[in-house]
Amino acid sequence: MPIKPRNAPDYYCANCDLQFWQSLWRRLLGLKPPPFAPCPKCGRIAGPLTY
């Protein structure tokens, strides 16, 4: 399995084609991204971006 690049997005929304990261506070605390997250653009559930 390929390794994710350091600054690559965490999620991908198939509805609006947006790639985005987990929230800043979670990244600053070093927490793993949850399996799904709401899209900031359209509000639908986005899945993890796979490499």
Protein backbone atom coordinates (compact mmCIF):
# COMPACT_ATOMS: atom_id res chain seq x y z
CA MET A 1 0.00 0.00 0.00
CA PRO A 2 1.44 3.41 -0.95
CA ILE A 3 2.24 5.87 1.81
CA LYS A 4 0.17 9.03 1.99
CA PRO A 5 2.19 12.20 1.30
CA ARG A 6 2.66 14.43 4.35
CA ASN A 7 0.46 17.34 3.26
CA ALA A 8 -2.09 15.40 1.19
CA PRO A 9 -5.84 15.86 1.83
CA ASP A 10 -7.58 13.40 4.16
CA TYR A 11 -11.04 13.25 2.56
CA TYR A 12 -12.73 13.31 -0.84
CA CYS A 13 -16.34 14.29 -1.50
CA ALA A 14 -17.69 12.46 -4.54
CA ASN A 15 -20.71 14.77 -4.73
CA CYS A 16 -18.89 18.09 -5.28
CA ASP A 17 -15.41 16.73 -6.18
CA LEU A 18 -13.71 18.46 -3.22
CA GLN A 19 -10.58 17.22 -1.46
CA PHE A 20 -10.19 18.51 2.09
CA TRP A 21 -8.31 17.96 5.35
CA GLN A 22 -9.51 17.08 8.82
CA SER A 23 -10.09 20.02 11.15
CA LEU A 24 -7.09 22.03 12.31
CA TRP A 25 -7.52 21.27 16.01
CA ARG A 26 -7.49 17.51 15.31
CA ARG A 27 -4.28 17.88 13.27
CA LEU A 28 -2.63 20.01 15.96
CA LEU A 29 -3.49 17.42 18.63
CA GLY A 30 -2.10 14.65 16.39
CA LEU A 31 -5.38 12.71 16.28
CA LYS A 32 -6.09 10.24 13.51
CA PRO A 33 -8.76 11.35 11.05
CA PRO A 34 -12.19 9.75 11.61
CA PRO A 35 -13.36 7.37 8.85
CA PHE A 36 -15.93 9.84 7.46
CA ALA A 37 -16.45 13.60 7.70
CA PRO A 38 -19.04 16.13 6.51
CA CYS A 39 -18.02 18.03 3.40
CA PRO A 40 -17.49 21.75 4.14
CA LYS A 41 -18.87 22.74 0.73
CA CYS A 42 -22.05 20.66 0.27
CA GLY A 43 -22.56 19.05 3.71
CA ARG A 44 -22.69 15.45 2.51
CA ILE A 45 -20.64 12.68 4.08
CA ALA A 46 -17.18 12.34 2.51
CA GLY A 47 -14.96 9.29 2.63
CA PRO A 48 -11.24 8.94 3.16
CA LEU A 49 -8.98 9.72 0.24
CA THR A 50 -7.06 6.56 -0.62
CA TYR A 51 -3.63 6.35 -2.20
